[in-house]
Protein backbone atom coordinates (compact mmCIF):
# COMPACT_ATOMS: atom_id res chain seq x y z
CA UNK A 1 0.00 0.00 0.00
CA UNK A 2 1.21 3.46 -0.78
CA UNK A 3 1.84 5.94 2.03
CA UNK A 4 -0.77 8.27 0.58
CA UNK A 5 -3.42 5.55 0.78
CA UNK A 6 -2.45 4.69 4.36
CA UNK A 7 -2.65 8.37 5.35
CA UNK A 8 -6.02 8.65 3.59
CA UNK A 9 -7.35 5.67 5.59
CA UNK A 10 -5.82 6.60 8.95
CA UNK A 11 -7.07 10.19 8.93
CA UNK A 12 -10.84 9.45 8.82
CA UNK A 13 -10.46 6.42 11.09
CA UNK A 14 -8.69 8.50 13.73
CA UNK A 15 -11.30 11.26 13.43
CA UNK A 16 -14.07 8.70 13.86
CA UNK A 17 -12.29 7.18 16.87
CA UNK A 18 -11.98 10.61 18.50
CA UNK A 19 -15.65 11.35 17.79
CA UNK A 20 -16.80 8.00 19.19
CA UNK A 21 -14.66 8.46 22.30
CA UNK A 22 -16.09 11.95 22.83
CA UNK A 23 -19.65 10.65 22.45
CA UNK A 24 -19.03 7.88 24.98
CA UNK A 25 -17.53 10.31 27.49
CA UNK A 26 -20.38 12.76 26.93
CA UNK A 27 -22.93 9.99 27.45
CA UNK A 28 -21.34 9.17 30.79
CA UNK A 29 -21.40 12.88 31.68
CA UNK A 30 -25.07 13.12 30.71
CA UNK A 31 -25.86 10.09 32.84
CA UNK A 32 -24.15 11.72 35.82
CA UNK A 33 -26.09 14.95 35.22
CA UNK A 34 -29.35 13.01 34.90
CA UNK A 35 -28.64 11.25 38.20
CA UNK A 36 -27.95 14.58 39.90
CA UNK A 37 -31.19 16.04 38.54
CA UNK A 38 -33.11 12.99 39.76
CA UNK A 39 -31.52 13.33 43.20
CA UNK A 40 -32.45 17.01 43.31
CA UNK A 41 -36.00 16.15 42.29
CA UNK A 42 -36.22 13.64 45.13
CA UNK A 43 -34.85 16.18 47.58
CA UNK A 44 -37.39 18.76 46.40
CA UNK A 45 -40.20 16.23 46.83
CA UNK A 46 -39.04 15.45 50.37
CA UNK A 47 -38.80 19.15 51.16
CA UNK A 48 -42.28 19.75 49.75
CA UNK A 49 -43.68 16.91 51.88
CA UNK A 50 -42.03 18.34 55.01
CA UNK A 51 -43.41 21.80 54.23
CA UNK A 52 -46.89 20.34 53.69
CA UNK A 53 -46.76 18.63 57.10
CA UNK A 54 -45.62 21.84 58.77
CA UNK A 55 -48.35 23.83 57.04
CA UNK A 56 -50.95 21.32 58.19
CA UNK A 57 -49.63 21.65 61.76
CA UNK A 58 -49.81 25.45 61.57
CA UNK A 59 -53.35 25.28 60.18
CA UNK A 60 -54.40 22.96 63.00
CA UNK A 61 -52.82 25.29 65.57
CA UNK A 62 -54.59 28.29 64.06
CA UNK A 63 -57.89 26.42 64.13
CA UNK A 64 -57.42 25.72 67.84
CA UNK A 65 -56.36 29.33 68.45
CA UNK A 66 -59.47 30.76 66.79
CA UNK A 67 -61.66 28.28 68.64
CA UNK A 68 -60.11 29.41 71.95
CA UNK A 69 -60.41 33.06 70.94
CA UNK A 70 -64.12 32.61 70.20
CA UNK A 71 -64.60 30.96 73.58
CA UNK A 72 -62.76 33.81 75.33
CA UNK A 73 -64.84 36.40 73.45
CA UNK A 74 -68.03 34.69 74.65
CA UNK A 75 -66.77 34.55 78.22
CA UNK A 76 -65.66 38.19 78.11
CA UNK A 77 -69.06 39.19 76.76
CA UNK A 78 -70.77 37.40 79.64
CA UNK A 79 -68.47 39.14 82.15
CA UNK A 80 -69.17 42.52 80.55
CA UNK A 81 -72.92 41.80 80.68
CA UNK A 82 -72.69 40.96 84.40
CA UNK A 83 -70.70 44.13 85.11
CA UNK A 84 -73.01 46.30 82.99
CA UNK A 85 -70.30 47.41 80.58
CA UNK A 86 -71.88 48.54 77.29
CA UNK A 87 -70.79 46.68 74.13
CA UNK A 88 -68.34 48.41 71.83
């Protein structure tokens, strides 16, 4: 084989080898990025669940607070009625 023919064969083969190697390395990089995104999604879901539980606890506390406030308002009204204090 002539040196020109060998050079003509080696040049595209080496370019293809470099391209295939780059694609394989990129695929591995994309897989790592995809795993990181999945992990972040899981963390966000866990955080959202924790926030939902806390919000439910705050809502329950507020419900109890308003219930107690209503009871205190009734009791205060009865005390004001007994003392003859006019309503506001």
